[in-house]
């Protein structure tokens, strides 16, 4: 396994963890971690839209990085090697 594959595996692991964390931060019908954080930071409802948009963007970015890492690993991973 080459250096590229090791780096891609590390990025894959980190982006997977970040994606799971960001998805769990999303609110569902007014409840959730993002609602608690936005309510404690900005008392008005105007700021929650910005926080949700940024959370959506970060989730999409980490998901795309995860998928790209999987595709590159599928093309570059050595075939037929065990251990």
N, C-alpha and C. Protein backbone atom coordinates (compact mmCIF):
# COMPACT_ATOMS: atom_id res chain seq x y z
N UNK A 1 0.85 -1.17 0.00
CA UNK A 1 0.00 0.00 0.00
C UNK A 1 0.89 1.23 0.00
N UNK A 2 0.61 2.15 -0.90
CA UNK A 2 1.44 3.32 -1.07
C UNK A 2 1.08 4.45 -0.12
N UNK A 3 1.87 5.50 -0.21
CA UNK A 3 1.66 6.67 0.63
C UNK A 3 0.33 7.34 0.29
N UNK A 4 -0.02 7.38 -0.99
CA UNK A 4 -1.28 7.97 -1.41
C UNK A 4 -2.47 7.25 -0.78
N UNK A 5 -2.42 5.93 -0.75
CA UNK A 5 -3.52 5.17 -0.17
C UNK A 5 -3.63 5.40 1.33
N UNK A 6 -2.50 5.51 2.01
CA UNK A 6 -2.53 5.76 3.45
C UNK A 6 -3.13 7.14 3.73
N UNK A 7 -2.70 8.14 2.97
CA UNK A 7 -3.25 9.48 3.14
C UNK A 7 -4.74 9.52 2.83
N UNK A 8 -5.14 8.83 1.77
CA UNK A 8 -6.57 8.79 1.43
C UNK A 8 -7.39 8.08 2.49
N UNK A 9 -6.84 7.03 3.09
CA UNK A 9 -7.55 6.34 4.17
C UNK A 9 -7.72 7.24 5.39
N UNK A 10 -6.70 8.03 5.69
CA UNK A 10 -6.80 8.96 6.81
C UNK A 10 -7.84 10.03 6.53
N UNK A 11 -7.81 10.60 5.32
CA UNK A 11 -8.79 11.62 4.94
C UNK A 11 -10.20 11.01 4.92
N UNK A 12 -10.31 9.78 4.44
CA UNK A 12 -11.61 9.09 4.41
C UNK A 12 -12.17 8.93 5.82
N UNK A 13 -11.33 8.50 6.75
CA UNK A 13 -11.76 8.32 8.13
C UNK A 13 -12.20 9.64 8.76
N UNK A 14 -11.37 10.68 8.59
CA UNK A 14 -11.69 11.98 9.18
C UNK A 14 -12.94 12.60 8.57
N UNK A 15 -13.08 12.50 7.24
CA UNK A 15 -14.27 13.07 6.61
C UNK A 15 -15.52 12.28 6.98
N UNK A 16 -15.39 10.97 7.19
CA UNK A 16 -16.54 10.18 7.64
C UNK A 16 -17.00 10.59 9.03
N UNK A 17 -16.03 10.77 9.94
CA UNK A 17 -16.38 11.23 11.28
C UNK A 17 -17.00 12.62 11.27
N UNK A 18 -16.42 13.51 10.46
CA UNK A 18 -16.96 14.87 10.38
C UNK A 18 -18.37 14.87 9.79
N UNK A 19 -18.61 14.03 8.80
CA UNK A 19 -19.95 13.96 8.20
C UNK A 19 -20.97 13.46 9.20
N UNK A 20 -20.62 12.42 9.95
CA UNK A 20 -21.54 11.90 10.96
C UNK A 20 -21.83 12.96 12.02
N UNK A 21 -20.79 13.65 12.48
CA UNK A 21 -20.96 14.69 13.49
C UNK A 21 -21.85 15.82 12.97
N UNK A 22 -21.61 16.25 11.72
CA UNK A 22 -22.40 17.35 11.16
C UNK A 22 -23.85 16.95 10.91
N UNK A 23 -24.08 15.72 10.50
CA UNK A 23 -25.46 15.26 10.29
C UNK A 23 -26.20 15.22 11.63
N UNK A 24 -25.51 14.79 12.68
CA UNK A 24 -26.15 14.78 14.00
C UNK A 24 -26.41 16.17 14.53
N UNK A 25 -25.68 17.16 14.06
CA UNK A 25 -25.90 18.54 14.49
C UNK A 25 -27.14 19.16 13.86
N UNK A 26 -27.61 18.60 12.74
CA UNK A 26 -28.79 19.15 12.08
C UNK A 26 -30.01 19.01 12.97
N UNK A 27 -30.87 19.99 12.87
CA UNK A 27 -32.08 19.96 13.69
C UNK A 27 -33.21 19.29 12.92
N UNK A 28 -34.09 18.67 13.66
CA UNK A 28 -35.26 18.06 13.07
C UNK A 28 -36.50 18.69 13.66
N UNK A 29 -37.14 19.56 12.91
CA UNK A 29 -38.38 20.24 13.33
C UNK A 29 -38.21 21.04 14.61
N UNK A 30 -37.15 21.83 14.67
CA UNK A 30 -36.97 22.75 15.78
C UNK A 30 -36.26 22.18 16.99
N UNK A 31 -35.80 20.95 16.93
CA UNK A 31 -35.05 20.40 18.05
C UNK A 31 -33.72 19.87 17.52
N UNK A 32 -32.76 19.81 18.37
CA UNK A 32 -31.46 19.29 17.96
C UNK A 32 -30.35 20.16 18.47
N UNK A 33 -29.14 19.70 18.23
CA UNK A 33 -27.97 20.42 18.72
C UNK A 33 -27.81 21.78 18.07
N UNK A 34 -28.08 21.87 16.78
CA UNK A 34 -27.91 23.16 16.11
C UNK A 34 -28.91 24.18 16.63
N UNK A 35 -30.10 23.75 16.99
CA UNK A 35 -31.09 24.66 17.55
C UNK A 35 -30.65 25.15 18.93
N UNK A 36 -30.09 24.26 19.73
CA UNK A 36 -29.60 24.66 21.05
C UNK A 36 -28.43 25.64 20.92
N UNK A 37 -27.51 25.34 20.02
CA UNK A 37 -26.35 26.21 19.86
C UNK A 37 -26.75 27.57 19.31
N UNK A 38 -27.62 27.57 18.33
CA UNK A 38 -28.03 28.85 17.75
C UNK A 38 -28.86 29.66 18.72
N UNK A 39 -29.65 29.00 19.55
CA UNK A 39 -30.46 29.72 20.53
C UNK A 39 -29.58 30.33 21.62
N UNK A 40 -28.49 29.65 21.96
CA UNK A 40 -27.63 30.19 23.01
C UNK A 40 -26.70 31.29 22.48
N UNK A 41 -26.34 31.21 21.21
CA UNK A 41 -25.44 32.22 20.65
C UNK A 41 -26.23 33.46 20.22
N UNK A 42 -27.26 33.26 19.43
CA UNK A 42 -28.05 34.36 18.90
C UNK A 42 -29.49 34.19 19.38
N UNK A 43 -29.98 35.08 20.23
CA UNK A 43 -31.33 34.91 20.74
C UNK A 43 -32.42 35.14 19.70
N UNK A 44 -32.14 35.89 18.65
CA UNK A 44 -33.17 36.13 17.64
C UNK A 44 -33.18 35.00 16.62
N UNK A 45 -34.29 34.86 15.92
CA UNK A 45 -34.41 33.78 14.94
C UNK A 45 -33.74 34.12 13.62
N UNK A 46 -33.22 35.33 13.46
CA UNK A 46 -32.59 35.73 12.21
C UNK A 46 -31.26 35.01 12.00
N UNK A 47 -30.54 34.70 13.06
CA UNK A 47 -29.23 34.08 12.94
C UNK A 47 -29.28 32.59 12.68
N UNK A 48 -30.40 31.95 12.96
CA UNK A 48 -30.45 30.51 12.81
C UNK A 48 -30.38 30.09 11.35
N UNK A 49 -30.89 30.90 10.45
CA UNK A 49 -30.82 30.58 9.03
C UNK A 49 -29.39 30.53 8.53
N UNK A 50 -28.57 31.45 9.01
CA UNK A 50 -27.17 31.51 8.60
C UNK A 50 -26.43 30.29 9.14
N UNK A 51 -26.71 29.93 10.39
CA UNK A 51 -26.04 28.78 10.98
C UNK A 51 -26.45 27.50 10.25
N UNK A 52 -27.72 27.36 9.93
CA UNK A 52 -28.19 26.17 9.21
C UNK A 52 -27.58 26.09 7.81
N UNK A 53 -27.48 27.23 7.13
CA UNK A 53 -26.88 27.23 5.79
C UNK A 53 -25.41 26.82 5.85
N UNK A 54 -24.68 27.35 6.82
CA UNK A 54 -23.28 26.97 6.96
C UNK A 54 -23.13 25.51 7.33
N UNK A 55 -24.03 25.01 8.18
CA UNK A 55 -24.00 23.61 8.55
C UNK A 55 -24.30 22.73 7.35
N UNK A 56 -25.24 23.15 6.51
CA UNK A 56 -25.55 22.42 5.28
C UNK A 56 -24.35 22.39 4.35
N UNK A 57 -23.70 23.52 4.19
CA UNK A 57 -22.52 23.59 3.31
C UNK A 57 -21.40 22.68 3.80
N UNK A 58 -21.13 22.73 5.09
CA UNK A 58 -20.07 21.88 5.64
C UNK A 58 -20.41 20.40 5.49
N UNK A 59 -21.67 20.05 5.67
CA UNK A 59 -22.09 18.66 5.51
C UNK A 59 -21.90 18.19 4.08
N UNK A 60 -22.28 19.02 3.13
CA UNK A 60 -22.12 18.66 1.72
C UNK A 60 -20.64 18.54 1.37
N UNK A 61 -19.82 19.45 1.85
CA UNK A 61 -18.38 19.42 1.54
C UNK A 61 -17.74 18.15 2.09
N UNK A 62 -18.04 17.81 3.35
CA UNK A 62 -17.43 16.61 3.92
C UNK A 62 -17.96 15.35 3.25
N UNK A 63 -19.21 15.36 2.82
CA UNK A 63 -19.76 14.20 2.11
C UNK A 63 -19.10 14.02 0.75
N UNK A 64 -18.86 15.12 0.05
CA UNK A 64 -18.20 15.05 -1.26
C UNK A 64 -16.76 14.57 -1.10
N UNK A 65 -16.07 15.06 -0.08
CA UNK A 65 -14.69 14.60 0.17
C UNK A 65 -14.69 13.10 0.46
N UNK A 66 -15.65 12.63 1.24
CA UNK A 66 -15.76 11.21 1.56
C UNK A 66 -15.97 10.38 0.29
N UNK A 67 -16.88 10.81 -0.57
CA UNK A 67 -17.18 10.06 -1.80
C UNK A 67 -15.99 10.08 -2.76
N UNK A 68 -15.32 11.23 -2.87
CA UNK A 68 -14.15 11.32 -3.76
C UNK A 68 -13.03 10.42 -3.26
N UNK A 69 -12.83 10.36 -1.95
CA UNK A 69 -11.81 9.47 -1.39
C UNK A 69 -12.13 8.01 -1.69
N UNK A 70 -13.39 7.63 -1.58
CA UNK A 70 -13.78 6.26 -1.89
C UNK A 70 -13.52 5.94 -3.36
N UNK A 71 -13.86 6.87 -4.24
CA UNK A 71 -13.65 6.62 -5.68
C UNK A 71 -12.16 6.51 -6.01
N UNK A 72 -11.34 7.39 -5.46
CA UNK A 72 -9.91 7.33 -5.74
C UNK A 72 -9.29 6.06 -5.15
N UNK A 73 -9.73 5.69 -3.95
CA UNK A 73 -9.22 4.45 -3.34
C UNK A 73 -9.63 3.23 -4.16
N UNK A 74 -10.82 3.25 -4.73
CA UNK A 74 -11.27 2.12 -5.55
C UNK A 74 -10.39 1.97 -6.79
N UNK A 75 -9.88 3.08 -7.31
CA UNK A 75 -9.04 3.02 -8.50
C UNK A 75 -7.58 2.72 -8.20
N UNK A 76 -7.10 3.13 -7.02
CA UNK A 76 -5.67 3.02 -6.74
C UNK A 76 -5.30 1.94 -5.75
N UNK A 77 -6.26 1.31 -5.10
CA UNK A 77 -5.93 0.30 -4.09
C UNK A 77 -5.32 -0.92 -4.76
N UNK A 78 -4.26 -1.46 -4.22
CA UNK A 78 -3.63 -2.62 -4.84
C UNK A 78 -4.56 -3.84 -4.79
N UNK A 79 -4.67 -4.51 -5.92
CA UNK A 79 -5.58 -5.66 -6.04
C UNK A 79 -4.77 -6.94 -5.80
N UNK A 80 -5.35 -7.85 -5.03
CA UNK A 80 -4.74 -9.14 -4.82
C UNK A 80 -3.72 -9.20 -3.71
N UNK A 81 -3.62 -8.15 -2.90
CA UNK A 81 -2.67 -8.18 -1.80
C UNK A 81 -3.42 -8.36 -0.50
N UNK A 82 -2.90 -9.21 0.33
CA UNK A 82 -3.47 -9.44 1.65
C UNK A 82 -2.39 -9.17 2.67
N UNK A 83 -2.76 -8.34 3.64
CA UNK A 83 -1.81 -8.04 4.73
C UNK A 83 -0.88 -7.03 4.31
